PDB file of all heavy atoms in Angstrom:
ATOM      1  N   GLN A   1      50.851  -9.763  10.625  1.00  0.00           N
ATOM      2  CA  GLN A   1      51.879  -8.716  10.701  1.00  0.00           C
ATOM      3  C   GLN A   1      51.569  -7.577   9.735  1.00  0.00           C
ATOM      4  O   GLN A   1      51.757  -6.406  10.070  1.00  0.00           O
ATOM      5  CB  GLN A   1      53.256  -9.303  10.398  1.00  0.00           C
ATOM      6  CG  GLN A   1      53.781 -10.168  11.515  1.00  0.00           C
ATOM      7  CD  GLN A   1      55.109 -10.832  11.169  1.00  0.00           C
ATOM      8  OE1 GLN A   1      55.573 -10.754  10.037  1.00  0.00           O
ATOM      9  NE2 GLN A   1      55.713 -11.472  12.152  1.00  0.00           N
ATOM     10  N   ALA A   2      51.091  -7.898   8.550  1.00  0.00           N
ATOM     11  CA  ALA A   2      50.732  -6.865   7.578  1.00  0.00           C
ATOM     12  C   ALA A   2      49.574  -6.015   8.108  1.00  0.00           C
ATOM     13  O   ALA A   2      49.533  -4.795   7.878  1.00  0.00           O
ATOM     14  CB  ALA A   2      50.367  -7.495   6.234  1.00  0.00           C
ATOM     15  N   GLU A   3      48.642  -6.631   8.822  1.00  0.00           N
ATOM     16  CA  GLU A   3      47.544  -5.867   9.432  1.00  0.00           C
ATOM     17  C   GLU A   3      48.077  -4.904  10.487  1.00  0.00           C
ATOM     18  O   GLU A   3      47.626  -3.758  10.570  1.00  0.00           O
ATOM     19  CB  GLU A   3      46.528  -6.824  10.077  1.00  0.00           C
ATOM     20  CG  GLU A   3      45.700  -7.589   9.083  1.00  0.00           C
ATOM     21  CD  GLU A   3      44.847  -8.676   9.722  1.00  0.00           C
ATOM     22  OE1 GLU A   3      45.116  -9.086  10.870  1.00  0.00           O
ATOM     23  OE2 GLU A   3      43.891  -9.116   9.042  1.00  0.00           O
ATOM     24  N   TRP A   4      49.032  -5.375  11.290  1.00  0.00           N
ATOM     25  CA  TRP A   4      49.629  -4.499  12.310  1.00  0.00           C
ATOM     26  C   TRP A   4      50.354  -3.323  11.662  1.00  0.00           C
ATOM     27  O   TRP A   4      50.220  -2.181  12.097  1.00  0.00           O
ATOM     28  CB  TRP A   4      50.595  -5.278  13.190  1.00  0.00           C
ATOM     29  CG  TRP A   4      49.973  -6.270  14.102  1.00  0.00           C
ATOM     30  CD1 TRP A   4      48.662  -6.346  14.490  1.00  0.00           C
ATOM     31  CD2 TRP A   4      50.623  -7.358  14.753  1.00  0.00           C
ATOM     32  NE1 TRP A   4      48.464  -7.410  15.322  1.00  0.00           N
ATOM     33  CE2 TRP A   4      49.662  -8.047  15.511  1.00  0.00           C
ATOM     34  CE3 TRP A   4      51.934  -7.815  14.760  1.00  0.00           C
ATOM     35  CZ2 TRP A   4      49.957  -9.165  16.279  1.00  0.00           C
ATOM     36  CZ3 TRP A   4      52.236  -8.934  15.529  1.00  0.00           C
ATOM     37  CH2 TRP A   4      51.250  -9.595  16.274  1.00  0.00           C
ATOM     38  N   VAL A   5      51.125  -3.613  10.612  1.00  0.00           N
ATOM     39  CA  VAL A   5      51.874  -2.559   9.930  1.00  0.00           C
ATOM     40  C   VAL A   5      50.915  -1.543   9.308  1.00  0.00           C
ATOM     41  O   VAL A   5      51.134  -0.330   9.391  1.00  0.00           O
ATOM     42  CB  VAL A   5      52.819  -3.175   8.869  1.00  0.00           C
ATOM     43  CG1 VAL A   5      53.418  -2.110   7.974  1.00  0.00           C
ATOM     44  CG2 VAL A   5      53.914  -3.983   9.544  1.00  0.00           C
ATOM     45  N   LEU A   6      49.838  -2.029   8.706  1.00  0.00           N
ATOM     46  CA  LEU A   6      48.837  -1.133   8.123  1.00  0.00           C
ATOM     47  C   LEU A   6      48.196  -0.284   9.210  1.00  0.00           C
ATOM     48  O   LEU A   6      48.009   0.922   9.041  1.00  0.00           O
ATOM     49  CB  LEU A   6      47.765  -1.922   7.367  1.00  0.00           C
ATOM     50  CG  LEU A   6      46.596  -1.093   6.821  1.00  0.00           C
ATOM     51  CD1 LEU A   6      47.091  -0.061   5.808  1.00  0.00           C
ATOM     52  CD2 LEU A   6      45.544  -1.993   6.212  1.00  0.00           C
ATOM     53  N   SER A   7      47.868  -0.903  10.324  1.00  0.00           N
ATOM     54  CA  SER A   7      47.263  -0.170  11.432  1.00  0.00           C
ATOM     55  C   SER A   7      48.190   0.940  11.925  1.00  0.00           C
ATOM     56  O   SER A   7      47.755   2.062  12.198  1.00  0.00           O
ATOM     57  CB  SER A   7      46.939  -1.139  12.566  1.00  0.00           C
ATOM     58  OG  SER A   7      46.439  -0.457  13.684  1.00  0.00           O
ATOM     59  N   GLU A   8      49.471   0.626  12.021  1.00  0.00           N
ATOM     60  CA  GLU A   8      50.456   1.628  12.450  1.00  0.00           C
ATOM     61  C   GLU A   8      50.536   2.768  11.433  1.00  0.00           C
ATOM     62  O   GLU A   8      50.577   3.946  11.810  1.00  0.00           O
ATOM     63  CB  GLU A   8      51.820   0.966  12.612  1.00  0.00           C
ATOM     64  CG  GLU A   8      52.888   1.890  13.153  1.00  0.00           C
ATOM     65  CD  GLU A   8      54.208   1.169  13.353  1.00  0.00           C
ATOM     66  OE1 GLU A   8      54.207   0.021  13.842  1.00  0.00           O
ATOM     67  OE2 GLU A   8      55.236   1.761  12.998  1.00  0.00           O
ATOM     68  N   ALA A   9      50.543   2.445  10.143  1.00  0.00           N
ATOM     69  CA  ALA A   9      50.605   3.464   9.097  1.00  0.00           C
ATOM     70  C   ALA A   9      49.367   4.351   9.125  1.00  0.00           C
ATOM     71  O   ALA A   9      49.460   5.573   8.924  1.00  0.00           O
ATOM     72  CB  ALA A   9      50.763   2.804   7.728  1.00  0.00           C
ATOM     73  N   ILE A  10      48.215   3.752   9.391  1.00  0.00           N
ATOM     74  CA  ILE A  10      46.984   4.539   9.492  1.00  0.00           C
ATOM     75  C   ILE A  10      47.064   5.478  10.696  1.00  0.00           C
ATOM     76  O   ILE A  10      46.631   6.629  10.621  1.00  0.00           O
ATOM     77  CB  ILE A  10      45.748   3.617   9.567  1.00  0.00           C
ATOM     78  CG1 ILE A  10      45.518   2.945   8.210  1.00  0.00           C
ATOM     79  CG2 ILE A  10      44.509   4.395  10.007  1.00  0.00           C
ATOM     80  CD1 ILE A  10      44.461   1.870   8.204  1.00  0.00           C
ATOM     81  N   GLY A  11      47.633   4.997  11.790  1.00  0.00           N
ATOM     82  CA  GLY A  11      47.804   5.848  12.969  1.00  0.00           C
ATOM     83  C   GLY A  11      48.692   7.046  12.672  1.00  0.00           C
ATOM     84  O   GLY A  11      48.387   8.176  13.080  1.00  0.00           O
ATOM     85  N   VAL A  12      49.795   6.816  11.948  1.00  0.00           N
ATOM     86  CA  VAL A  12      50.684   7.914  11.560  1.00  0.00           C
ATOM     87  C   VAL A  12      49.936   8.902  10.680  1.00  0.00           C
ATOM     88  O   VAL A  12      50.021  10.129  10.871  1.00  0.00           O
ATOM     89  CB  VAL A  12      51.940   7.369  10.832  1.00  0.00           C
ATOM     90  CG1 VAL A  12      52.728   8.489  10.174  1.00  0.00           C
ATOM     91  CG2 VAL A  12      52.808   6.592  11.798  1.00  0.00           C
ATOM     92  N   MET A  13      49.165   8.404   9.719  1.00  0.00           N
ATOM     93  CA  MET A  13      48.402   9.268   8.826  1.00  0.00           C
ATOM     94  C   MET A  13      47.389  10.106   9.610  1.00  0.00           C
ATOM     95  O   MET A  13      47.245  11.309   9.374  1.00  0.00           O
ATOM     96  CB  MET A  13      47.685   8.440   7.757  1.00  0.00           C
ATOM     97  CG  MET A  13      46.950   9.285   6.734  1.00  0.00           C
ATOM     98  SD  MET A  13      46.002   8.304   5.552  1.00  0.00           S
ATOM     99  CE  MET A  13      44.641   7.760   6.564  1.00  0.00           C
ATOM    100  N   ARG A  14      46.723   9.493  10.557  1.00  0.00           N
ATOM    101  CA  ARG A  14      45.733  10.235  11.361  1.00  0.00           C
ATOM    102  C   ARG A  14      46.408  11.324  12.201  1.00  0.00           C
ATOM    103  O   ARG A  14      45.858  12.417  12.361  1.00  0.00           O
ATOM    104  CB  ARG A  14      44.964   9.264  12.249  1.00  0.00           C
ATOM    105  CG  ARG A  14      44.115   8.303  11.439  1.00  0.00           C
ATOM    106  CD  ARG A  14      42.645   8.409  11.780  1.00  0.00           C
ATOM    107  NE  ARG A  14      41.842   7.706  10.790  1.00  0.00           N
ATOM    108  CZ  ARG A  14      41.457   6.440  10.879  1.00  0.00           C
ATOM    109  NH1 ARG A  14      41.797   5.733  11.932  1.00  0.00           N
ATOM    110  NH2 ARG A  14      40.724   5.896   9.936  1.00  0.00           N
ATOM    111  N   ARG A  15      47.594  11.011  12.738  1.00  0.00           N
ATOM    112  CA  ARG A  15      48.318  12.032  13.513  1.00  0.00           C
ATOM    113  C   ARG A  15      48.720  13.198  12.608  1.00  0.00           C
ATOM    114  O   ARG A  15      48.634  14.357  13.017  1.00  0.00           O
ATOM    115  CB  ARG A  15      49.543  11.419  14.190  1.00  0.00           C
ATOM    116  CG  ARG A  15      49.187  10.566  15.395  1.00  0.00           C
ATOM    117  CD  ARG A  15      50.399  10.177  16.225  1.00  0.00           C
ATOM    118  NE  ARG A  15      51.346   9.313  15.531  1.00  0.00           N
ATOM    119  CZ  ARG A  15      51.231   7.992  15.422  1.00  0.00           C
ATOM    120  NH1 ARG A  15      50.203   7.369  15.983  1.00  0.00           N
ATOM    121  NH2 ARG A  15      52.136   7.286  14.781  1.00  0.00           N
ATOM    122  N   GLU A  16      49.139  12.875  11.389  1.00  0.00           N
ATOM    123  CA  GLU A  16      49.497  13.937  10.434  1.00  0.00           C
ATOM    124  C   GLU A  16      48.270  14.790  10.105  1.00  0.00           C
ATOM    125  O   GLU A  16      48.358  16.020  10.036  1.00  0.00           O
ATOM    126  CB  GLU A  16      50.083  13.347   9.145  1.00  0.00           C
ATOM    127  CG  GLU A  16      51.387  12.607   9.315  1.00  0.00           C
ATOM    128  CD  GLU A  16      52.565  13.491   9.653  1.00  0.00           C
ATOM    129  OE1 GLU A  16      52.441  14.734   9.636  1.00  0.00           O
ATOM    130  OE2 GLU A  16      53.637  12.935   9.957  1.00  0.00           O
ATOM    131  N   GLU A  17      47.126  14.144   9.913  1.00  0.00           N
ATOM    132  CA  GLU A  17      45.887  14.884   9.636  1.00  0.00           C
ATOM    133  C   GLU A  17      45.527  15.796  10.797  1.00  0.00           C
ATOM    134  O   GLU A  17      45.121  16.951  10.591  1.00  0.00           O
ATOM    135  CB  GLU A  17      44.737  13.913   9.357  1.00  0.00           C
ATOM    136  CG  GLU A  17      44.827  13.212   8.026  1.00  0.00           C
ATOM    137  CD  GLU A  17      43.770  12.126   7.857  1.00  0.00           C
ATOM    138  OE1 GLU A  17      43.213  11.645   8.877  1.00  0.00           O
ATOM    139  OE2 GLU A  17      43.496  11.750   6.699  1.00  0.00           O
ATOM    140  N   THR A  18      45.656  15.281  12.014  1.00  0.00           N
ATOM    141  CA  THR A  18      45.332  16.070  13.201  1.00  0.00           C
ATOM    142  C   THR A  18      46.259  17.278  13.313  1.00  0.00           C
ATOM    143  O   THR A  18      45.797  18.399  13.564  1.00  0.00           O
ATOM    144  CB  THR A  18      45.445  15.201  14.470  1.00  0.00           C
ATOM    145  OG1 THR A  18      44.550  14.104  14.353  1.00  0.00           O
ATOM    146  CG2 THR A  18      45.134  15.995  15.712  1.00  0.00           C
ATOM    147  N   THR A  19      47.546  17.054  13.102  1.00  0.00           N
ATOM    148  CA  THR A  19      48.510  18.157  13.177  1.00  0.00           C
ATOM    149  C   THR A  19      48.214  19.194  12.100  1.00  0.00           C
ATOM    150  O   THR A  19      48.267  20.400  12.370  1.00  0.00           O
ATOM    151  CB  THR A  19      49.951  17.624  13.018  1.00  0.00           C
ATOM    152  OG1 THR A  19      50.183  16.621  13.990  1.00  0.00           O
ATOM    153  CG2 THR A  19      50.967  18.733  13.184  1.00  0.00           C
ATOM    154  N   LEU A  20      47.887  18.747  10.898  1.00  0.00           N
ATOM    155  CA  LEU A  20      47.554  19.667   9.816  1.00  0.00           C
ATOM    156  C   LEU A  20      46.325  20.493  10.171  1.00  0.00           C
ATOM    157  O   LEU A  20      46.306  21.719   9.971  1.00  0.00           O
ATOM    158  CB  LEU A  20      47.329  18.897   8.511  1.00  0.00           C
ATOM    159  CG  LEU A  20      46.935  19.735   7.292  1.00  0.00           C
ATOM    160  CD1 LEU A  20      48.031  20.745   6.958  1.00  0.00           C
ATOM    161  CD2 LEU A  20      46.653  18.839   6.099  1.00  0.00           C
ATOM    162  N   THR A  21      45.323  19.852  10.715  1.00  0.00           N
ATOM    163  CA  THR A  21      44.104  20.567  11.114  1.00  0.00           C
ATOM    164  C   THR A  21      44.424  21.613  12.183  1.00  0.00           C
ATOM    165  O   THR A  21      43.912  22.738  12.133  1.00  0.00           O
ATOM    166  CB  THR A  21      43.047  19.570  11.639  1.00  0.00           C
ATOM    167  OG1 THR A  21      42.773  18.624  10.612  1.00  0.00           O
ATOM    168  CG2 THR A  21      41.773  20.271  12.034  1.00  0.00           C
ATOM    169  N   GLU A  22      45.266  21.254  13.141  1.00  0.00           N
ATOM    170  CA  GLU A  22      45.642  22.199  14.197  1.00  0.00           C
ATOM    171  C   GLU A  22      46.407  23.389  13.613  1.00  0.00           C
ATOM    172  O   GLU A  22      46.181  24.531  14.010  1.00  0.00           O
ATOM    173  CB  GLU A  22      46.497  21.494  15.256  1.00  0.00           C
ATOM    174  CG  GLU A  22      45.714  20.505  16.092  1.00  0.00           C
ATOM    175  CD  GLU A  22      46.609  19.632  16.968  1.00  0.00           C
ATOM    176  OE1 GLU A  22      47.860  19.725  16.863  1.00  0.00           O
ATOM    177  OE2 GLU A  22      46.054  18.840  17.751  1.00  0.00           O
ATOM    178  N   LEU A  23      47.305  23.104  12.657  1.00  0.00           N
ATOM    179  CA  LEU A  23      48.044  24.194  12.024  1.00  0.00           C
ATOM    180  C   LEU A  23      47.116  25.112  11.236  1.00  0.00           C
ATOM    181  O   LEU A  23      47.262  26.344  11.278  1.00  0.00           O
ATOM    182  CB  LEU A  23      49.130  23.639  11.101  1.00  0.00           C
ATOM    183  CG  LEU A  23      50.376  23.080  11.771  1.00  0.00           C
ATOM    184  CD1 LEU A  23      51.257  22.360  10.760  1.00  0.00           C
ATOM    185  CD2 LEU A  23      51.162  24.192  12.460  1.00  0.00           C
ATOM    186  N   GLN A  24      46.159  24.522  10.531  1.00  0.00           N
ATOM    187  CA  GLN A  24      45.209  25.347   9.774  1.00  0.00           C
ATOM    188  C   GLN A  24      44.359  26.204  10.711  1.00  0.00           C
ATOM    189  O   GLN A  24      44.087  27.365  10.414  1.00  0.00           O
ATOM    190  CB  GLN A  24      44.333  24.453   8.898  1.00  0.00           C
ATOM    191  CG  GLN A  24      45.097  23.848   7.731  1.00  0.00           C
ATOM    192  CD  GLN A  24      44.317  22.788   6.984  1.00  0.00           C
ATOM    193  OE1 GLN A  24      43.430  22.143   7.527  1.00  0.00           O
ATOM    194  NE2 GLN A  24      44.678  22.577   5.720  1.00  0.00           N
ATOM    195  N   GLN A  25      43.973  25.640  11.838  1.00  0.00           N
ATOM    196  CA  GLN A  25      43.209  26.413  12.814  1.00  0.00           C
ATOM    197  C   GLN A  25      44.058  27.539  13.397  1.00  0.00           C
ATOM    198  O   GLN A  25      43.588  28.657  13.570  1.00  0.00           O
ATOM    199  CB  GLN A  25      42.685  25.507  13.939  1.00  0.00           C
ATOM    200  CG  GLN A  25      41.818  26.216  14.949  1.00  0.00           C
ATOM    201  CD  GLN A  25      40.565  26.816  14.343  1.00  0.00           C
ATOM    202  OE1 GLN A  25      39.887  26.178  13.537  1.00  0.00           O
ATOM    203  NE2 GLN A  25      40.247  28.053  14.703  1.00  0.00           N
ATOM    204  N   SER A  26      45.325  27.224  13.675  1.00  0.00           N
ATOM    205  CA  SER A  26      46.236  28.238  14.199  1.00  0.00           C
ATOM    206  C   SER A  26      46.427  29.369  13.193  1.00  0.00           C
ATOM    207  O   SER A  26      46.441  30.549  13.560  1.00  0.00           O
ATOM    208  CB  SER A  26      47.574  27.589  14.542  1.00  0.00           C
ATOM    209  OG  SER A  26      48.473  28.532  15.031  1.00  0.00           O
ATOM    210  N   LYS A  27      46.560  29.022  11.925  1.00  0.00           N
ATOM    211  CA  LYS A  27      46.701  30.041  10.879  1.00  0.00           C
ATOM    212  C   LYS A  27      45.447  30.909  10.809  1.00  0.00           C
ATOM    213  O   LYS A  27      45.541  32.140  10.736  1.00  0.00           O
ATOM    214  CB  LYS A  27      46.953  29.382   9.525  1.00  0.00           C
ATOM    215  CG  LYS A  27      47.047  30.372   8.376  1.00  0.00           C
ATOM    216  CD  LYS A  27      47.169  29.668   7.055  1.00  0.00           C
ATOM    217  CE  LYS A  27      47.032  30.666   5.919  1.00  0.00           C
ATOM    218  NZ  LYS A  27      46.922  30.012   4.625  1.00  0.00           N
ATOM    219  N   TYR A  28      44.294  30.273  10.853  1.00  0.00           N
ATOM    220  CA  TYR A  28      43.039  31.015  10.821  1.00  0.00           C
ATOM    221  C   TYR A  28      42.953  31.971  12.015  1.00  0.00           C
ATOM    222  O   TYR A  28      42.595  33.143  11.856  1.00  0.00           O
ATOM    223  CB  TYR A  28      41.852  30.042  10.819  1.00  0.00           C
ATOM    224  CG  TYR A  28      40.518  30.728  10.876  1.00  0.00           C
ATOM    225  CD1 TYR A  28      39.971  31.311   9.735  1.00  0.00           C
ATOM    226  CD2 TYR A  28      39.797  30.803  12.071  1.00  0.00           C
ATOM    227  CE1 TYR A  28      38.746  31.952   9.788  1.00  0.00           C
ATOM    228  CE2 TYR A  28      38.579  31.442  12.136  1.00  0.00           C
ATOM    229  CZ  TYR A  28      38.052  32.017  10.989  1.00  0.00           C
ATOM    230  OH  TYR A  28      36.847  32.662  11.053  1.00  0.00           O
ATOM    231  N   ASP A  29      43.307  31.476  13.194  1.00  0.00           N
ATOM    232  CA  ASP A  29      43.267  32.311  14.400  1.00  0.00           C
ATOM    233  C   ASP A  29      44.214  33.504  14.270  1.00  0.00           C
ATOM    234  O   ASP A  29      43.870  34.633  14.646  1.00  0.00           O
ATOM    235  CB  ASP A  29      43.621  31.492  15.641  1.00  0.00           C
ATOM    236  CG  ASP A  29      42.572  30.444  15.977  1.00  0.00           C
ATOM    237  OD1 ASP A  29      41.439  30.533  15.445  1.00  0.00           O
ATOM    238  OD2 ASP A  29      42.889  29.515  16.759  1.00  0.00           O
ATOM    239  N   MET A  30      45.419  33.265  13.741  1.00  0.00           N
ATOM    240  CA  MET A  30      46.384  34.356  13.595  1.00  0.00           C
ATOM    241  C   MET A  30      45.923  35.361  12.543  1.00  0.00           C
ATOM    242  O   MET A  30      46.130  36.567  12.699  1.00  0.00           O
ATOM    243  CB  MET A  30      47.768  33.799  13.228  1.00  0.00           C
ATOM    244  CG  MET A  30      48.489  33.142  14.383  1.00  0.00           C
ATOM    245  SD  MET A  30      48.607  34.172  15.868  1.00  0.00           S
ATOM    246  CE  MET A  30      49.535  35.558  15.257  1.00  0.00           C
TER     247      MET A  30
END
């Protein structure tokens, strides 16, 4: 269960990283 919870937390972190990268790209484009 702890492995599953960690995996889920890593997924959330990766989504946050992806969104941040997209925002930075959008800022650069603007």
